[in-house]
Amino acid sequence: MVKIVVSRKIPDKFYQQLSKLGDVVMWQKSLVPMPKDQFVTALRDADACFITLSEQIDAEILAQSPNLKVIANMAVG
């Protein structure tokens, strides 16, 4: 099963939809970013992640996330 990391708390209806696709690991705060060390740890075996503009996916994170196939930005505009 795929692992999906969500960097912010999302509405339950969206969480339920993602849960149909795989195991979802979601940060439980909507206004406070996930600390980088926890973010890196969560992504180590993740297949996909949903991030906001606050999170930075850099070379360090990519190097430690060999299974990561999808990086999706949650934003409007």
Protein backbone atom coordinates (compact mmCIF):
# COMPACT_ATOMS: atom_id res chain seq x y z
CA MET A 1 0.00 0.00 0.00
CA VAL A 2 1.23 3.51 -0.74
CA LYS A 3 2.11 6.01 1.96
CA ILE A 4 0.88 9.59 1.57
CA VAL A 5 2.25 12.39 3.76
CA VAL A 6 0.09 15.50 4.22
CA SER A 7 2.00 18.40 5.76
CA ARG A 8 -1.07 20.21 7.17
CA LYS A 9 -4.42 19.20 8.60
CA ILE A 10 -6.97 18.92 5.81
CA PRO A 11 -10.77 18.62 5.95
CA ASP A 12 -12.01 15.14 6.80
CA LYS A 13 -13.71 14.61 3.43
CA PHE A 14 -10.34 15.03 1.66
CA TYR A 15 -8.57 12.86 4.23
CA GLN A 16 -11.14 10.11 3.61
CA GLN A 17 -10.57 10.30 -0.15
CA LEU A 18 -6.79 10.01 0.26
CA SER A 19 -7.26 7.13 2.71
CA LYS A 20 -8.88 5.13 -0.09
CA LEU A 21 -5.57 5.33 -1.97
CA GLY A 22 -3.20 4.35 0.82
CA ASP A 23 -1.92 4.99 4.33
CA VAL A 24 -2.14 8.70 5.13
CA VAL A 25 0.19 10.39 7.62
CA MET A 26 -1.18 13.86 8.34
CA TRP A 27 0.20 16.65 10.52
CA GLN A 28 -2.63 17.59 12.88
CA LYS A 29 -2.17 21.38 12.79
CA SER A 30 -3.48 23.55 9.98
CA LEU A 31 -1.66 26.81 10.79
CA VAL A 32 1.66 25.50 12.12
CA PRO A 33 4.11 23.79 9.76
CA MET A 34 5.38 20.31 10.46
CA PRO A 35 8.91 20.56 11.94
CA LYS A 36 11.50 19.71 9.29
CA ASP A 37 12.95 16.74 11.19
CA GLN A 38 9.49 15.16 11.47
CA PHE A 39 8.75 16.00 7.84
CA VAL A 40 11.97 14.32 6.67
CA THR A 41 11.28 11.26 8.82
CA ALA A 42 7.71 10.96 7.51
CA LEU A 43 8.90 11.20 3.90
CA ARG A 44 11.59 8.51 4.17
CA ASP A 45 9.25 5.76 3.02
CA ALA A 46 6.50 7.90 1.47
CA ASP A 47 5.27 7.50 -2.09
CA ALA A 48 3.50 10.86 -2.28
CA CYS A 49 3.23 14.10 -0.33
CA PHE A 50 0.88 17.05 -0.22
CA ILE A 51 2.56 20.26 0.92
CA THR A 52 1.82 23.97 1.25
CA LEU A 53 4.02 26.86 0.15
CA SER A 54 5.66 26.88 3.60
CA GLU A 55 7.34 23.50 3.11
CA GLN A 56 10.51 23.31 1.08
CA ILE A 57 11.44 20.15 -0.80
CA ASP A 58 15.19 20.45 -1.22
CA ALA A 59 18.00 18.11 -2.31
CA GLU A 60 18.45 16.86 1.26
CA ILE A 61 14.83 15.76 1.49
CA LEU A 62 14.83 14.19 -1.97
CA ALA A 63 18.01 12.25 -1.19
CA GLN A 64 16.35 10.76 1.89
CA SER A 65 13.05 9.95 0.15
CA PRO A 66 13.86 7.27 -2.45
CA ASN A 67 10.23 6.13 -2.88
CA LEU A 68 8.78 9.63 -3.36
CA LYS A 69 7.01 9.78 -6.73
CA VAL A 70 4.53 12.66 -6.33
CA ILE A 71 4.91 16.08 -4.71
CA ALA A 72 1.65 18.02 -4.81
CA ASN A 73 1.24 21.64 -3.74
CA MET A 74 -1.99 22.54 -1.91
CA ALA A 75 -2.63 26.15 -2.88
CA VAL A 76 -5.08 28.41 -4.61
CA GLY A 77 -4.56 30.98 -7.30
